[in-house]
C-alpha cells in the first residue's frame, strides 16, 4: 500500500469503496511488523500535532494574546 509523506499507509482512491479495505489495511499493517513498528518508523513531523489554521487558529492566537495581556495587567 502507498504511504503519505509521514509514512502512514494510505489506501488508493479505488480501494476506498471496496468491501475488503479494512482487511487489506490490517494485512498491510501486519506485513510491516504491526502498529508499534509503524509508529516507530514515522517521522517526527507526524507525531507533532499541527497548529490549526484559518479562523480557529486566529481565534486561538487572539485568545492567547488576550490572556497574556490580562496577566500583564494583574501584575501591575
N, C-alpha and C. Protein backbone atom coordinates (compact mmCIF):
# COMPACT_ATOMS: atom_id res chain seq x y z
N UNK A 1 0.85 -1.18 0.00
CA UNK A 1 0.00 0.00 0.00
C UNK A 1 0.89 1.24 0.00
N UNK A 2 0.48 2.27 -0.69
CA UNK A 2 1.27 3.50 -0.71
C UNK A 2 1.22 4.22 0.64
N UNK A 3 2.25 5.01 0.87
CA UNK A 3 2.34 5.77 2.12
C UNK A 3 2.37 7.27 1.81
N UNK A 4 1.91 8.07 2.77
CA UNK A 4 1.96 9.52 2.59
C UNK A 4 3.32 10.05 3.03
N UNK A 5 3.47 11.36 3.06
CA UNK A 5 4.76 11.97 3.38
C UNK A 5 5.21 11.69 4.81
N UNK A 6 4.29 11.28 5.69
CA UNK A 6 4.62 10.95 7.07
C UNK A 6 4.83 9.46 7.29
N UNK A 7 4.76 8.68 6.20
CA UNK A 7 4.97 7.24 6.31
C UNK A 7 3.73 6.46 6.72
N UNK A 8 2.57 7.10 6.73
CA UNK A 8 1.34 6.45 7.10
C UNK A 8 0.75 5.75 5.88
N UNK A 9 0.33 4.51 6.04
CA UNK A 9 -0.25 3.75 4.93
C UNK A 9 -1.56 4.40 4.50
N UNK A 10 -1.68 4.67 3.19
CA UNK A 10 -2.87 5.28 2.63
C UNK A 10 -3.44 4.40 1.53
N UNK A 11 -4.72 4.06 1.61
CA UNK A 11 -5.31 3.26 0.54
C UNK A 11 -5.45 4.10 -0.73
N UNK A 12 -5.42 3.41 -1.86
CA UNK A 12 -5.60 4.10 -3.13
C UNK A 12 -7.06 4.52 -3.26
N UNK A 13 -7.30 5.51 -4.12
CA UNK A 13 -8.65 6.05 -4.28
C UNK A 13 -9.66 4.96 -4.65
N UNK A 14 -9.28 4.06 -5.55
CA UNK A 14 -10.19 2.99 -5.97
C UNK A 14 -10.52 2.02 -4.84
N UNK A 15 -9.65 1.94 -3.86
CA UNK A 15 -9.84 0.98 -2.76
C UNK A 15 -10.81 1.49 -1.69
N UNK A 16 -11.05 2.77 -1.65
CA UNK A 16 -11.84 3.34 -0.56
C UNK A 16 -13.26 2.81 -0.48
N UNK A 17 -13.83 2.42 -1.59
CA UNK A 17 -15.21 1.92 -1.60
C UNK A 17 -15.29 0.40 -1.55
N UNK A 18 -14.16 -0.25 -1.51
CA UNK A 18 -14.11 -1.72 -1.53
C UNK A 18 -14.54 -2.29 -0.18
N UNK A 19 -15.23 -3.40 -0.23
CA UNK A 19 -15.67 -4.07 0.99
C UNK A 19 -14.51 -4.69 1.77
N UNK A 20 -13.37 -4.89 1.13
CA UNK A 20 -12.23 -5.54 1.75
C UNK A 20 -11.15 -4.56 2.22
N UNK A 21 -11.46 -3.27 2.23
CA UNK A 21 -10.46 -2.25 2.59
C UNK A 21 -9.86 -2.52 3.97
N UNK A 22 -10.71 -2.77 4.94
CA UNK A 22 -10.21 -2.98 6.31
C UNK A 22 -9.29 -4.20 6.37
N UNK A 23 -9.70 -5.29 5.72
CA UNK A 23 -8.87 -6.49 5.70
C UNK A 23 -7.52 -6.23 5.05
N UNK A 24 -7.53 -5.48 3.95
CA UNK A 24 -6.27 -5.15 3.26
C UNK A 24 -5.36 -4.30 4.13
N UNK A 25 -5.95 -3.31 4.81
CA UNK A 25 -5.15 -2.46 5.68
C UNK A 25 -4.57 -3.27 6.85
N UNK A 26 -5.36 -4.15 7.42
CA UNK A 26 -4.86 -4.97 8.52
C UNK A 26 -3.73 -5.88 8.05
N UNK A 27 -3.87 -6.43 6.86
CA UNK A 27 -2.82 -7.28 6.30
C UNK A 27 -1.56 -6.47 6.05
N UNK A 28 -1.71 -5.25 5.52
CA UNK A 28 -0.56 -4.39 5.25
C UNK A 28 0.15 -4.00 6.54
N UNK A 29 -0.60 -3.69 7.58
CA UNK A 29 0.00 -3.34 8.87
C UNK A 29 0.73 -4.54 9.45
N UNK A 30 0.13 -5.70 9.38
CA UNK A 30 0.78 -6.92 9.88
C UNK A 30 2.05 -7.22 9.11
N UNK A 31 2.04 -7.01 7.79
CA UNK A 31 3.22 -7.27 6.96
C UNK A 31 4.35 -6.30 7.29
N UNK A 32 4.01 -5.13 7.80
CA UNK A 32 5.03 -4.13 8.16
C UNK A 32 5.57 -4.35 9.57
N UNK A 33 5.03 -5.31 10.29
CA UNK A 33 5.52 -5.59 11.64
C UNK A 33 4.57 -5.13 12.72
N UNK A 34 3.40 -4.68 12.38
CA UNK A 34 2.42 -4.27 13.37
C UNK A 34 2.42 -2.77 13.61
N UNK A 35 1.47 -2.34 14.41
CA UNK A 35 1.28 -0.92 14.68
C UNK A 35 2.49 -0.31 15.38
N UNK A 36 3.06 -1.01 16.35
CA UNK A 36 4.21 -0.47 17.08
C UNK A 36 5.39 -0.23 16.15
N UNK A 37 5.61 -1.12 15.21
CA UNK A 37 6.70 -0.96 14.25
C UNK A 37 6.46 0.24 13.35
N UNK A 38 5.24 0.41 12.91
CA UNK A 38 4.91 1.54 12.05
C UNK A 38 5.08 2.85 12.82
N UNK A 39 4.62 2.89 14.07
CA UNK A 39 4.77 4.10 14.88
C UNK A 39 6.23 4.47 15.08
N UNK A 40 7.09 3.48 15.26
CA UNK A 40 8.50 3.76 15.50
C UNK A 40 9.19 4.27 14.23
N UNK A 41 8.62 3.96 13.06
CA UNK A 41 9.22 4.39 11.80
C UNK A 41 8.66 5.69 11.25
N UNK A 42 7.67 6.28 11.90
CA UNK A 42 7.09 7.51 11.39
C UNK A 42 8.02 8.68 11.68
N UNK A 43 7.89 9.70 10.86
CA UNK A 43 8.74 10.88 11.03
C UNK A 43 8.30 11.69 12.24
N UNK A 44 9.20 12.48 12.82
CA UNK A 44 8.82 13.31 13.96
C UNK A 44 7.71 14.30 13.62
N UNK A 45 7.62 14.71 12.34
CA UNK A 45 6.57 15.64 11.94
C UNK A 45 5.20 15.01 12.08
N UNK A 46 5.10 13.71 11.90
CA UNK A 46 3.82 13.02 12.03
C UNK A 46 3.39 12.97 13.48
N UNK A 47 4.33 12.98 14.41
CA UNK A 47 3.99 12.90 15.82
C UNK A 47 3.56 14.26 16.37
N UNK A 48 4.05 15.33 15.79
CA UNK A 48 3.67 16.65 16.25
C UNK A 48 2.25 16.95 15.80
N UNK A 49 1.49 17.53 16.69
CA UNK A 49 0.16 17.96 16.26
C UNK A 49 0.33 19.35 15.67
N UNK A 50 -0.16 19.52 14.49
CA UNK A 50 -0.02 20.80 13.81
C UNK A 50 -0.99 21.80 14.41
N UNK A 51 -0.56 23.05 14.48
CA UNK A 51 -1.43 24.09 14.98
C UNK A 51 -2.52 24.36 13.96
N UNK A 52 -3.74 24.57 14.43
CA UNK A 52 -4.82 24.82 13.49
C UNK A 52 -4.64 26.15 12.78
N UNK A 53 -5.11 26.21 11.57
CA UNK A 53 -5.02 27.43 10.80
C UNK A 53 -6.40 28.02 10.62
N UNK A 54 -6.49 28.99 9.76
CA UNK A 54 -7.77 29.60 9.45
C UNK A 54 -8.36 30.33 10.64
N UNK A 55 -9.67 30.33 10.70
CA UNK A 55 -10.39 31.06 11.74
C UNK A 55 -10.11 30.48 13.11
N UNK A 56 -10.07 29.16 13.21
CA UNK A 56 -9.81 28.52 14.51
C UNK A 56 -8.44 28.94 15.03
N UNK A 57 -7.44 28.91 14.16
CA UNK A 57 -6.10 29.33 14.56
C UNK A 57 -6.06 30.79 14.98
N UNK A 58 -6.76 31.64 14.22
CA UNK A 58 -6.81 33.06 14.56
C UNK A 58 -7.46 33.28 15.92
N UNK A 59 -8.55 32.57 16.19
CA UNK A 59 -9.21 32.71 17.49
C UNK A 59 -8.33 32.21 18.63
N UNK A 60 -7.62 31.13 18.41
CA UNK A 60 -6.72 30.62 19.45
C UNK A 60 -5.58 31.61 19.73
N UNK A 61 -5.00 32.17 18.66
CA UNK A 61 -3.93 33.15 18.85
C UNK A 61 -4.45 34.40 19.56
N UNK A 62 -5.65 34.87 19.18
CA UNK A 62 -6.24 36.03 19.82
C UNK A 62 -6.47 35.76 21.30
N UNK A 63 -7.00 34.57 21.61
CA UNK A 63 -7.27 34.21 22.99
C UNK A 63 -5.98 34.16 23.81
N UNK A 64 -4.92 33.61 23.23
CA UNK A 64 -3.64 33.55 23.94
C UNK A 64 -3.10 34.96 24.21
N UNK A 65 -3.19 35.84 23.22
CA UNK A 65 -2.72 37.23 23.41
C UNK A 65 -3.55 37.94 24.46
N UNK A 66 -4.86 37.71 24.46
CA UNK A 66 -5.73 38.36 25.45
C UNK A 66 -5.39 37.90 26.86
N UNK A 67 -5.19 36.59 27.03
CA UNK A 67 -4.80 36.08 28.36
C UNK A 67 -3.46 36.64 28.80
N UNK A 68 -2.52 36.74 27.87
CA UNK A 68 -1.21 37.30 28.20
C UNK A 68 -1.35 38.76 28.62
N UNK A 69 -2.18 39.50 27.92
CA UNK A 69 -2.38 40.92 28.27
C UNK A 69 -3.06 41.05 29.63
N UNK A 70 -4.01 40.17 29.94
CA UNK A 70 -4.68 40.22 31.23
C UNK A 70 -3.72 39.88 32.37
N UNK A 71 -2.83 38.92 32.12
CA UNK A 71 -1.83 38.58 33.14
C UNK A 71 -0.89 39.76 33.37
N UNK A 72 -0.56 40.47 32.31
CA UNK A 72 0.33 41.63 32.42
C UNK A 72 -0.30 42.73 33.24
N UNK A 73 -1.61 42.95 33.09
CA UNK A 73 -2.32 43.99 33.85
C UNK A 73 -2.44 43.64 35.31
N UNK A 74 -2.63 42.36 35.62
CA UNK A 74 -2.81 41.95 37.01
C UNK A 74 -1.52 42.04 37.81
N UNK A 75 -0.37 42.06 37.13
CA UNK A 75 0.91 42.14 37.81
C UNK A 75 1.31 43.57 38.14
N UNK A 76 0.58 44.55 37.62
CA UNK A 76 0.94 45.96 37.86
C UNK A 76 0.52 46.44 39.21
